[in-house]
Structures are given as structure tokens and as C-alpha cells.
N, C-alpha and C. Protein backbone atom coordinates (compact mmCIF):
# COMPACT_ATOMS: atom_id res chain seq x y z
N VAL A 1 170.13 -60.25 271.66
CA VAL A 1 170.57 -61.29 270.43
C VAL A 1 171.03 -60.75 269.44
N ASN A 2 170.84 -59.52 269.25
CA ASN A 2 171.70 -58.91 267.79
C ASN A 2 173.57 -59.01 268.23
N LEU A 3 173.49 -58.69 269.40
CA LEU A 3 175.00 -58.87 269.68
C LEU A 3 175.72 -60.54 270.50
N VAL A 4 175.39 -60.05 271.23
CA VAL A 4 175.16 -61.17 272.67
C VAL A 4 174.83 -62.56 272.00
N GLY A 5 173.51 -62.60 271.33
CA GLY A 5 173.67 -63.75 270.49
C GLY A 5 174.61 -64.64 269.50
N THR A 6 175.00 -63.49 268.50
CA THR A 6 176.06 -63.60 267.74
C THR A 6 177.63 -64.16 268.61
N PHE A 7 177.54 -63.17 269.09
CA PHE A 7 179.01 -63.63 270.41
C PHE A 7 179.16 -64.82 270.35
N LYS A 8 177.72 -65.72 271.06
CA LYS A 8 177.87 -67.14 272.33
C LYS A 8 178.06 -68.12 270.89
N VAL A 9 177.09 -67.39 269.78
CA VAL A 9 177.51 -68.55 268.97
C VAL A 9 178.73 -69.16 268.15
N CYS A 10 179.17 -67.56 267.92
CA CYS A 10 180.70 -67.56 267.02
C CYS A 10 181.66 -68.30 268.31
N ARG A 11 181.02 -68.16 269.67
CA ARG A 11 182.69 -68.49 270.71
C ARG A 11 182.14 -70.01 270.65
N ALA A 12 181.44 -70.11 270.51
CA ALA A 12 181.34 -71.49 270.52
C ALA A 12 181.18 -72.60 269.62
N LEU A 13 181.24 -72.16 268.08
CA LEU A 13 181.56 -72.64 266.87
C LEU A 13 183.09 -72.63 266.34
N ALA A 14 183.34 -71.16 266.92
CA ALA A 14 185.19 -71.16 266.24
C ALA A 14 185.85 -72.21 266.62
N PRO A 15 185.68 -72.54 267.81
CA PRO A 15 186.65 -73.78 268.67
C PRO A 15 186.90 -74.66 268.18
N ILE A 16 185.67 -75.17 267.18
CA ILE A 16 184.91 -75.95 266.66
C ILE A 16 185.65 -76.64 265.53
N MET A 17 185.19 -75.35 265.36
CA MET A 17 185.61 -74.83 263.59
C MET A 17 187.51 -75.12 263.37
N GLN A 18 188.07 -74.37 264.16
CA GLN A 18 189.06 -74.80 264.12
C GLN A 18 189.78 -76.39 264.45
N GLN A 19 189.24 -77.29 265.07
CA GLN A 19 189.39 -78.09 265.51
C GLN A 19 189.71 -79.15 263.77
N LYS A 20 187.99 -78.68 263.36
CA LYS A 20 188.24 -79.45 262.40
C LYS A 20 189.13 -78.84 260.50
N ASN A 21 189.78 -77.82 260.61
CA ASN A 21 190.20 -76.81 259.90
C ASN A 21 189.62 -76.50 259.15
N TYR A 22 188.56 -76.27 259.43
CA TYR A 22 187.42 -75.59 258.15
C TYR A 22 186.35 -74.88 258.75
N GLY A 23 185.60 -74.00 257.79
CA GLY A 23 184.69 -73.44 258.73
C GLY A 23 183.89 -72.04 258.00
N ARG A 24 182.60 -71.25 258.29
CA ARG A 24 182.19 -70.37 257.88
C ARG A 24 181.49 -69.35 259.02
N ILE A 25 181.94 -68.23 258.95
CA ILE A 25 181.01 -67.91 259.78
C ILE A 25 180.42 -66.90 258.78
N ALA A 26 179.39 -66.69 258.97
CA ALA A 26 178.64 -65.20 258.15
C ALA A 26 177.91 -64.64 258.85
N ASN A 27 178.41 -63.58 259.60
CA ASN A 27 177.56 -62.47 260.47
C ASN A 27 176.44 -61.69 259.67
N LEU A 28 175.32 -61.18 260.68
CA LEU A 28 174.19 -60.41 259.90
C LEU A 28 174.34 -59.21 260.70
N ALA A 29 174.90 -57.66 260.33
CA ALA A 29 174.99 -56.77 261.35
C ALA A 29 173.53 -56.28 259.98
N SER A 30 173.90 -54.88 260.16
CA SER A 30 172.72 -53.89 259.58
C SER A 30 173.61 -52.97 258.98
N LEU A 31 173.40 -52.30 258.26
CA LEU A 31 174.06 -50.66 257.78
C LEU A 31 173.71 -49.83 259.12
N ALA A 32 172.55 -50.09 259.81
CA ALA A 32 172.48 -49.03 261.11
C ALA A 32 173.66 -49.05 262.29
N GLY A 33 175.01 -50.46 261.81
CA GLY A 33 175.40 -50.87 262.57
C GLY A 33 176.88 -49.90 261.71
N GLN A 34 176.89 -48.87 260.81
CA GLN A 34 177.81 -48.62 260.20
C GLN A 34 177.30 -47.06 260.40
N GLU A 35 176.04 -46.33 260.43
CA GLU A 35 176.06 -45.20 260.53
C GLU A 35 174.48 -45.03 260.90
N GLY A 36 175.02 -45.69 262.18
CA GLY A 36 173.31 -45.37 263.42
C GLY A 36 171.66 -44.77 262.43
N THR A 37 171.40 -45.20 263.22
CA THR A 37 169.88 -45.32 262.93
C THR A 37 169.28 -44.56 264.17
N PRO A 38 168.44 -42.96 263.60
CA PRO A 38 167.74 -42.30 264.61
C PRO A 38 166.77 -43.42 265.38
N ASN A 39 166.31 -42.87 266.49
CA ASN A 39 165.41 -43.69 267.24
C ASN A 39 165.80 -45.13 267.44
N ALA A 40 167.17 -45.69 267.36
CA ALA A 40 167.61 -46.92 267.31
C ALA A 40 169.17 -46.75 267.66
N SER A 41 169.55 -46.40 268.52
CA SER A 41 170.47 -46.30 269.25
C SER A 41 170.59 -47.61 270.25
N ALA A 42 170.66 -48.51 270.18
CA ALA A 42 170.70 -49.63 271.00
C ALA A 42 170.92 -50.73 270.28
N TYR A 43 169.73 -50.77 268.75
CA TYR A 43 169.94 -51.70 267.45
C TYR A 43 171.37 -51.28 266.81
N SER A 44 171.16 -49.70 266.92
CA SER A 44 172.69 -49.58 265.96
C SER A 44 174.49 -49.38 266.55
N ALA A 45 173.96 -49.60 267.90
CA ALA A 45 175.61 -50.16 268.88
C ALA A 45 175.28 -51.59 268.76
N ALA A 46 174.55 -52.49 268.77
CA ALA A 46 174.60 -53.53 269.02
C ALA A 46 175.46 -53.64 267.60
N LYS A 47 174.68 -53.50 266.37
CA LYS A 47 175.27 -54.11 265.20
C LYS A 47 176.41 -53.56 263.98
N GLY A 48 176.57 -52.49 265.08
CA GLY A 48 178.27 -52.10 265.22
C GLY A 48 179.12 -53.16 266.08
N GLY A 49 178.85 -53.58 266.68
CA GLY A 49 179.78 -54.62 267.77
C GLY A 49 179.90 -55.68 267.02
N VAL A 50 178.69 -56.09 266.50
CA VAL A 50 179.12 -57.35 265.56
C VAL A 50 179.95 -57.15 264.29
N ILE A 51 179.73 -56.10 263.76
CA ILE A 51 180.84 -55.64 262.43
C ILE A 51 182.16 -55.36 263.29
N ALA A 52 181.98 -55.36 264.86
CA ALA A 52 183.77 -55.25 265.58
C ALA A 52 183.99 -56.48 265.55
N MET A 53 183.08 -56.89 265.73
CA MET A 53 183.36 -58.18 266.77
C MET A 53 183.66 -59.49 265.12
N THR A 54 183.33 -59.17 264.24
CA THR A 54 183.63 -59.94 262.93
C THR A 54 184.72 -59.73 262.54
N LYS A 55 185.46 -58.42 262.66
CA LYS A 55 186.92 -58.12 261.83
C LYS A 55 187.42 -58.04 263.17
N SER A 56 187.48 -58.64 264.05
CA SER A 56 188.46 -59.12 265.22
C SER A 56 189.06 -61.03 264.94
N LEU A 57 187.86 -61.26 265.16
CA LEU A 57 187.38 -63.09 265.04
C LEU A 57 188.02 -62.99 263.29
N GLY A 58 187.91 -62.54 262.86
CA GLY A 58 188.63 -63.24 261.17
C GLY A 58 189.59 -62.70 261.48
N LYS A 59 190.65 -61.92 262.06
CA LYS A 59 192.04 -61.44 262.11
C LYS A 59 192.30 -62.57 263.00
N GLU A 60 191.95 -63.18 264.21
CA GLU A 60 192.45 -64.31 264.69
C GLU A 60 192.22 -65.86 263.89
N LEU A 61 191.41 -65.81 263.42
CA LEU A 61 191.13 -67.27 262.49
C LEU A 61 191.82 -66.86 261.62
N ALA A 62 192.59 -65.77 260.31
CA ALA A 62 192.98 -65.88 258.81
C ALA A 62 193.73 -66.37 259.21
N MET A 63 195.30 -67.39 259.65
CA MET A 63 195.64 -68.14 258.85
C MET A 63 194.96 -69.18 259.53
N THR A 64 193.96 -69.56 259.84
CA THR A 64 192.91 -71.44 259.57
C THR A 64 192.44 -71.39 258.24
N ASN A 65 192.05 -71.76 258.24
CA ASN A 65 190.52 -72.10 257.27
C ASN A 65 189.73 -72.37 257.53
N VAL A 66 189.50 -71.06 258.27
CA VAL A 66 188.37 -71.01 259.11
C VAL A 66 188.19 -69.26 258.78
N ARG A 67 186.52 -68.94 257.46
CA ARG A 67 186.65 -67.79 256.88
C ARG A 67 185.42 -67.14 257.74
N VAL A 68 185.85 -65.78 258.29
CA VAL A 68 184.61 -64.81 259.19
C VAL A 68 184.69 -64.15 258.45
N ASN A 69 182.93 -63.44 257.66
CA ASN A 69 183.15 -62.07 257.32
C ASN A 69 181.12 -61.96 257.59
N CYS A 70 181.01 -60.79 257.20
CA CYS A 70 179.67 -59.65 257.85
C CYS A 70 178.89 -59.49 256.94
N ILE A 71 177.57 -59.47 257.20
CA ILE A 71 176.94 -58.43 256.10
C ILE A 71 175.86 -57.37 256.78
N ALA A 72 175.93 -56.35 256.06
CA ALA A 72 175.81 -55.37 256.30
C ALA A 72 174.40 -54.96 255.47
N PRO A 73 172.84 -55.52 255.76
CA PRO A 73 172.12 -55.38 254.71
C PRO A 73 171.86 -53.59 254.95
N ALA A 74 170.80 -52.98 254.18
CA ALA A 74 169.92 -52.12 254.36
C ALA A 74 168.39 -52.41 254.77
N ALA A 75 167.46 -51.74 254.45
CA ALA A 75 166.31 -52.28 255.22
C ALA A 75 165.80 -53.50 254.38
N VAL A 76 165.23 -54.58 254.74
CA VAL A 76 164.75 -56.10 253.78
C VAL A 76 163.70 -56.07 254.11
N ASP A 77 162.43 -56.53 253.39
CA ASP A 77 161.13 -56.32 253.45
C ASP A 77 161.19 -57.65 253.92
N THR A 78 160.25 -57.52 254.98
CA THR A 78 160.18 -58.99 256.07
C THR A 78 159.08 -58.57 257.12
N ASP A 79 158.92 -59.55 257.74
CA ASP A 79 157.86 -59.44 258.63
C ASP A 79 157.80 -57.74 259.84
N ILE A 80 159.11 -57.54 260.16
CA ILE A 80 159.42 -56.68 261.09
C ILE A 80 158.98 -55.59 260.49
N LEU A 81 158.51 -55.09 259.39
CA LEU A 81 158.27 -53.28 258.85
C LEU A 81 157.42 -53.44 259.25
N VAL A 82 156.11 -54.41 259.74
CA VAL A 82 154.90 -53.90 260.31
C VAL A 82 155.00 -53.37 261.33
N GLN A 83 156.33 -53.28 262.06
CA GLN A 83 156.20 -52.41 263.12
C GLN A 83 156.25 -51.35 263.72
N MET A 84 156.93 -51.07 262.25
CA MET A 84 157.53 -49.31 262.24
C MET A 84 155.88 -48.75 261.61
N SER A 85 156.38 -47.73 261.19
CA SER A 85 155.60 -46.58 260.82
C SER A 85 155.81 -46.53 259.11
N PRO A 86 154.62 -46.28 258.53
CA PRO A 86 154.69 -45.87 257.19
C PRO A 86 155.49 -45.39 256.62
N GLU A 87 155.98 -44.08 257.71
CA GLU A 87 156.84 -42.72 257.16
C GLU A 87 158.88 -43.69 257.49
N HIS A 88 158.45 -44.14 259.03
CA HIS A 88 159.47 -44.16 258.86
C HIS A 88 160.18 -45.14 257.73
N VAL A 89 159.25 -46.54 257.03
CA VAL A 89 159.73 -47.02 255.96
C VAL A 89 159.89 -46.40 255.11
N GLN A 90 159.56 -45.28 254.63
CA GLN A 90 159.75 -44.70 253.61
C GLN A 90 161.13 -43.82 253.71
N ARG A 91 161.30 -43.49 254.26
CA ARG A 91 162.67 -43.07 255.20
C ARG A 91 163.83 -43.96 254.84
N MET A 92 163.70 -45.67 254.76
CA MET A 92 164.43 -46.24 254.71
C MET A 92 164.61 -46.57 253.42
N ILE A 93 163.58 -46.50 252.75
CA ILE A 93 163.17 -46.77 251.03
C ILE A 93 164.33 -45.54 250.08
N ASP A 94 163.69 -44.15 251.16
CA ASP A 94 164.41 -43.04 250.14
C ASP A 94 165.65 -42.79 250.30
N LYS A 95 166.54 -43.38 251.57
CA LYS A 95 167.86 -43.64 251.71
C LYS A 95 168.79 -44.57 250.44
N SER A 96 168.00 -45.52 250.01
CA SER A 96 168.32 -46.86 249.11
C SER A 96 168.56 -45.73 247.89
N PRO A 97 169.60 -45.46 246.83
CA PRO A 97 169.74 -45.43 245.61
C PRO A 97 168.92 -45.94 244.82
N MET A 98 168.40 -47.55 245.27
CA MET A 98 167.55 -47.91 244.15
C MET A 98 166.26 -47.62 244.27
N GLU A 99 166.33 -46.57 245.44
CA GLU A 99 164.45 -46.73 246.05
C GLU A 99 163.86 -47.52 246.30
N ARG A 100 164.05 -48.81 246.76
CA ARG A 100 162.76 -50.37 247.20
C ARG A 100 164.10 -50.87 248.54
N LEU A 101 162.94 -52.01 248.89
CA LEU A 101 163.24 -52.70 249.71
C LEU A 101 164.77 -53.49 249.39
N GLY A 102 165.43 -54.22 250.17
CA GLY A 102 165.38 -55.29 249.69
C GLY A 102 164.99 -56.29 249.47
N GLN A 103 165.24 -57.87 249.01
CA GLN A 103 164.16 -58.82 249.37
C GLN A 103 165.48 -59.85 250.17
N VAL A 104 164.46 -60.54 250.63
CA VAL A 104 165.14 -61.99 251.07
C VAL A 104 166.10 -62.67 251.23
N GLU A 105 165.59 -63.43 249.42
CA GLU A 105 166.51 -63.90 248.64
C GLU A 105 167.64 -62.98 248.13
N GLU A 106 168.19 -61.71 248.42
CA GLU A 106 168.53 -60.89 248.14
C GLU A 106 170.09 -61.41 249.45
N VAL A 107 170.03 -61.45 250.11
CA VAL A 107 170.31 -61.43 251.41
C VAL A 107 170.64 -63.14 251.60
N THR A 108 169.79 -63.79 251.30
CA THR A 108 170.03 -65.07 251.33
C THR A 108 171.62 -65.89 250.13
N HIS A 109 171.45 -65.10 248.81
CA HIS A 109 172.51 -65.83 247.96
C HIS A 109 173.84 -65.22 249.11
N MET A 110 173.98 -63.88 249.23
CA MET A 110 175.32 -63.56 249.83
C MET A 110 175.54 -64.79 251.23
N VAL A 111 174.56 -64.83 252.04
CA VAL A 111 175.02 -65.77 253.16
C VAL A 111 175.90 -66.98 252.47
N LEU A 112 174.33 -67.65 251.73
CA LEU A 112 174.78 -69.16 250.90
C LEU A 112 176.47 -68.79 250.03
N TRP A 113 175.89 -68.47 249.69
CA TRP A 113 178.24 -68.31 249.45
C TRP A 113 178.87 -68.34 250.77
N LEU A 114 178.66 -67.10 251.21
CA LEU A 114 179.86 -67.08 252.16
C LEU A 114 180.19 -68.57 252.84
N CYS A 115 179.04 -68.58 252.92
CA CYS A 115 179.34 -70.09 253.82
C CYS A 115 179.52 -71.19 252.80
N SER A 116 180.13 -71.40 251.45
CA SER A 116 180.05 -72.17 250.93
C SER A 116 182.03 -72.09 250.76
N SER A 117 182.15 -73.72 249.95
CA SER A 117 183.28 -73.71 250.17
C SER A 117 184.34 -72.65 249.00
N ALA A 118 183.12 -72.04 247.82
CA ALA A 118 183.76 -71.76 247.10
C ALA A 118 184.73 -70.42 247.82
N CYS A 119 183.93 -69.86 248.87
CA CYS A 119 184.52 -68.88 249.30
C CYS A 119 185.91 -69.22 250.17
N THR A 120 186.99 -69.19 249.27
CA THR A 120 188.81 -69.14 250.11
C THR A 120 189.53 -68.44 250.13
N PHE A 121 188.68 -67.22 249.81
CA PHE A 121 189.66 -65.97 250.16
C PHE A 121 189.30 -64.50 250.98
N ASN A 122 187.66 -64.84 250.81
CA ASN A 122 187.21 -63.45 251.39
C ASN A 122 187.20 -63.66 253.23
N SER A 123 187.64 -63.22 253.90
CA SER A 123 187.33 -62.94 255.47
C SER A 123 187.76 -61.74 256.03
N LEU A 124 186.83 -61.62 257.09
CA LEU A 124 186.67 -60.24 257.77
C LEU A 124 186.39 -59.13 256.84
N VAL A 125 185.42 -59.35 255.63
CA VAL A 125 184.83 -58.61 254.76
C VAL A 125 183.83 -58.24 255.43
N LEU A 126 183.13 -57.13 255.44
CA LEU A 126 182.13 -56.02 255.65
C LEU A 126 181.50 -56.01 254.03
N TRP A 127 180.52 -57.16 254.18
CA TRP A 127 179.27 -56.92 252.51
C TRP A 127 178.48 -55.72 253.10
N HIS A 128 178.28 -54.79 252.03
CA HIS A 128 177.26 -54.12 252.28
C HIS A 128 176.10 -54.62 251.27
N ALA A 129 175.35 -55.43 252.18
CA ALA A 129 173.67 -56.06 251.26
C ALA A 129 173.01 -54.73 250.75
N HIS A 130 173.55 -53.66 249.71
CA HIS A 130 172.21 -53.09 249.24
C HIS A 130 172.10 -52.48 248.40
N SER A 131 171.45 -51.08 247.58
CA SER A 131 171.61 -50.53 246.68
C SER A 131 172.92 -50.41 245.97
N GLN A 132 173.85 -50.52 246.78
CA GLN A 132 175.40 -50.33 246.00
C GLN A 132 176.14 -51.23 245.39
N THR A 133 177.76 -50.76 245.14
CA THR A 133 178.53 -52.08 244.28
C THR A 133 179.07 -52.74 245.83
N VAL A 134 178.60 -53.82 245.57
CA VAL A 134 179.97 -54.90 246.72
C VAL A 134 181.03 -55.18 245.55
N THR A 135 182.20 -54.97 246.53
CA THR A 135 183.38 -55.46 245.29
C THR A 135 183.76 -56.76 246.36
N SER A 136 184.42 -57.38 244.98
CA SER A 136 184.60 -58.72 245.97
C SER A 136 186.15 -59.17 244.68
N PRO A 137 186.98 -59.97 245.94
CA PRO A 137 188.24 -60.22 245.26
C PRO A 137 187.79 -61.64 244.07
N HIS A 138 186.30 -61.75 244.02
CA HIS A 138 186.04 -62.51 243.09
C HIS A 138 185.71 -61.72 241.57
N SER A 139 186.16 -62.00 240.31
CA SER A 139 185.49 -61.53 239.86
C SER A 139 184.07 -61.88 238.85
N SER A 140 184.05 -63.13 239.28
CA SER A 140 182.71 -64.52 239.16
C SER A 140 182.22 -64.19 240.35
N CYS A 141 181.63 -63.41 241.13
CA CYS A 141 180.89 -63.16 241.92
C CYS A 141 179.46 -63.57 241.99
N LYS A 142 179.00 -62.74 240.98
CA LYS A 142 177.84 -63.22 240.83
C LYS A 142 176.96 -64.18 240.12
N ASP A 143 177.81 -64.99 239.35
CA ASP A 143 178.19 -66.32 238.87
C ASP A 143 178.13 -67.49 239.81
N ILE A 144 179.09 -67.39 240.31
CA ILE A 144 179.10 -68.06 242.12
C ILE A 144 177.54 -67.55 243.04
N LEU A 145 177.01 -66.64 243.16
CA LEU A 145 176.11 -66.85 243.73
C LEU A 145 174.74 -67.70 242.72
N ALA A 146 174.89 -67.38 241.71
CA ALA A 146 173.68 -67.84 241.00
C ALA A 146 173.88 -69.93 240.47
N GLN A 147 175.13 -69.85 240.34
CA GLN A 147 174.68 -71.29 240.70
C GLN A 147 174.77 -71.87 242.12
N SER A 148 175.20 -71.33 242.93
CA SER A 148 175.39 -72.25 244.31
C SER A 148 174.38 -71.73 244.96
N THR A 149 172.47 -71.25 244.58
CA THR A 149 172.15 -70.70 245.25
C THR A 149 170.68 -71.34 244.55
N THR A 150 170.37 -71.80 243.20
CA THR A 150 169.82 -71.82 242.34
C THR A 150 168.36 -72.75 242.84
N GLU A 151 169.38 -73.97 243.44
CA GLU A 151 168.75 -75.29 244.14
C GLU A 151 168.47 -75.04 244.86
N ARG A 152 168.66 -74.08 245.73
CA ARG A 152 168.40 -74.00 247.11
C ARG A 152 167.54 -73.48 247.65
N MET A 153 167.21 -72.48 247.05
CA MET A 153 166.28 -71.23 247.27
C MET A 153 164.72 -71.09 246.62
N ARG A 154 164.41 -72.85 246.66
CA ARG A 154 163.31 -72.47 245.52
C ARG A 154 161.98 -72.04 246.25
N SER A 155 161.37 -72.52 247.33
CA SER A 155 160.18 -72.32 248.46
C SER A 155 160.44 -71.09 248.98
N SER A 156 159.64 -70.50 248.68
CA SER A 156 158.85 -69.30 249.70
C SER A 156 159.66 -69.70 251.02
N ARG A 157 158.85 -70.28 252.26
CA ARG A 157 158.94 -70.32 253.00
C ARG A 157 160.43 -71.37 253.20
N ALA A 158 161.32 -71.55 252.53
CA ALA A 158 162.72 -71.92 252.79
C ALA A 158 163.49 -70.37 253.14
N ARG A 159 162.91 -69.54 251.43
CA ARG A 159 163.91 -68.29 251.96
C ARG A 159 163.95 -67.45 253.51
N THR A 160 161.89 -67.86 253.67
CA THR A 160 161.51 -66.39 254.91
C THR A 160 162.57 -67.49 256.47
N ALA A 161 162.49 -68.92 256.19
CA ALA A 161 162.60 -69.49 257.35
C ALA A 161 164.57 -69.17 257.43
N ALA A 162 165.05 -68.63 256.32
CA ALA A 162 166.72 -68.92 256.15
C ALA A 162 166.66 -67.69 256.64
N PHE A 163 166.61 -66.35 256.20
CA PHE A 163 166.83 -65.04 256.47
C PHE A 163 166.18 -65.48 258.13
N HIS A 164 165.04 -65.79 259.10
CA HIS A 164 165.12 -65.45 259.86
C HIS A 164 165.46 -65.93 260.51
N THR A 165 166.62 -67.30 260.95
CA THR A 165 167.22 -67.60 261.27
C THR A 165 168.93 -66.99 260.87
N THR A 166 168.51 -66.05 260.26
CA THR A 166 170.06 -65.13 260.09
C THR A 166 170.35 -64.48 261.02
N GLN A 167 168.58 -63.94 261.04
CA GLN A 167 168.12 -62.62 262.07
C GLN A 167 168.62 -62.56 263.57
N MET A 168 168.50 -64.29 263.85
CA MET A 168 168.61 -64.54 265.71
C MET A 168 170.14 -65.16 265.63
N SER A 169 171.22 -64.82 265.14
CA SER A 169 172.00 -64.52 265.69
C SER A 169 173.35 -64.59 264.56
N THR A 170 174.22 -65.92 264.39
CA THR A 170 174.71 -65.97 263.39
C THR A 170 174.03 -66.17 262.32
N ALA A 171 174.51 -65.49 261.28
CA ALA A 171 173.70 -66.14 259.70
C ALA A 171 173.92 -66.93 259.13
N CYS A 172 175.30 -67.92 259.41
CA CYS A 172 175.58 -69.25 258.67
C CYS A 172 177.04 -69.47 259.56
N THR A 173 176.96 -70.79 259.59
CA THR A 173 178.01 -71.46 259.59
C THR A 173 178.07 -72.57 259.53
N SER A 174 179.03 -73.22 258.96
CA SER A 174 178.81 -74.73 258.30
C SER A 174 180.52 -74.95 258.05
N PHE A 175 180.62 -76.60 258.72
CA PHE A 175 181.65 -77.62 258.88
C PHE A 175 181.89 -78.27 257.68
N GLY A 176 182.96 -78.24 257.51
CA GLY A 176 183.36 -79.47 256.27
C GLY A 176 183.24 -80.89 256.56
């Protein structure tokens, strides 16, 4: 699912988005895809493939009104962490400059903005969703994120469902 599922969704939806001359694709990778994670070589390789595919597809669609981006979060506080040893989770936390796990809402806000009509210039950007600075051509990126997601993400169930949907394959796709 990590690579092949994302590829299949992009392959199916990109032509439709091109026909409509509008679309937004936000793929979900991982910090592991950039840096590699011990004892997770298959996962790291798959997420690295998502990053490379996003860059290629973004270049292919750059002259259209279809934007293709990728989010590479560090560890996010989700149910999957119960499958890991407490020591492994603590190592992930220790790697973060903020010494904490990311929250579902933090990643969801990025996905919603990347899939919105406000995202007009950003394409084939790898967004690092962890506790380091994200640079963007939009000087008011935080304001855009806050405005576009406040009303949408009220219930905890909706936030969790939105994040788990992103883990399945392509984080978000939208049509005009």
C-alpha cells in the first residue's frame, strides 16, 4: 500500500484531473523515506519511492493546473504506535527537536491546505511535517492553514479518519 497503492491512485486520477484542468494530489511519505529507519528498510524504501514518484509526477503536470506535493512526517501519535516497543517510540521522540510526537491535526492541516484552491504555486514540494521549519513561498501559510481547516476538523473521529485515509495511499485528491 505504501508505494504501490499511492502509485495506482495517482495513475488513475491524474488523467482525470488533467482533463478537468484542475486537481490537487498530496501524497503521504515519511521522514523514513528520506533518512532511512533502522529495522524498517522496506518501509523506508517504499516511502522514498513515494517521494521520487511525487517529484516525477509533479514535473510531468507542472504546466497544468494540477498540483502534486508530498508530506514527509516524522512520528505521529496514532494507533500504530502500540505495535512498537516503548523504546522504539522513545527513540523517534528523541530524534525530534521538539521532543514530542506529531499530532494527527498537524498533518491534516497541511493536507487540507495542499488540496485547497489556495495552493496555486506549490507543486512537487516535499513538506517536512515535523518539528523543523517548513519553508513555503506563501508568507501567510499559517494563516491559510488556520482559516481553511478550523471548521472542517471539529470532531476527533473526523480527524482520525482523515489521517488514516491518508495512510492508505494518496493523502488527498480534489477536483474543481
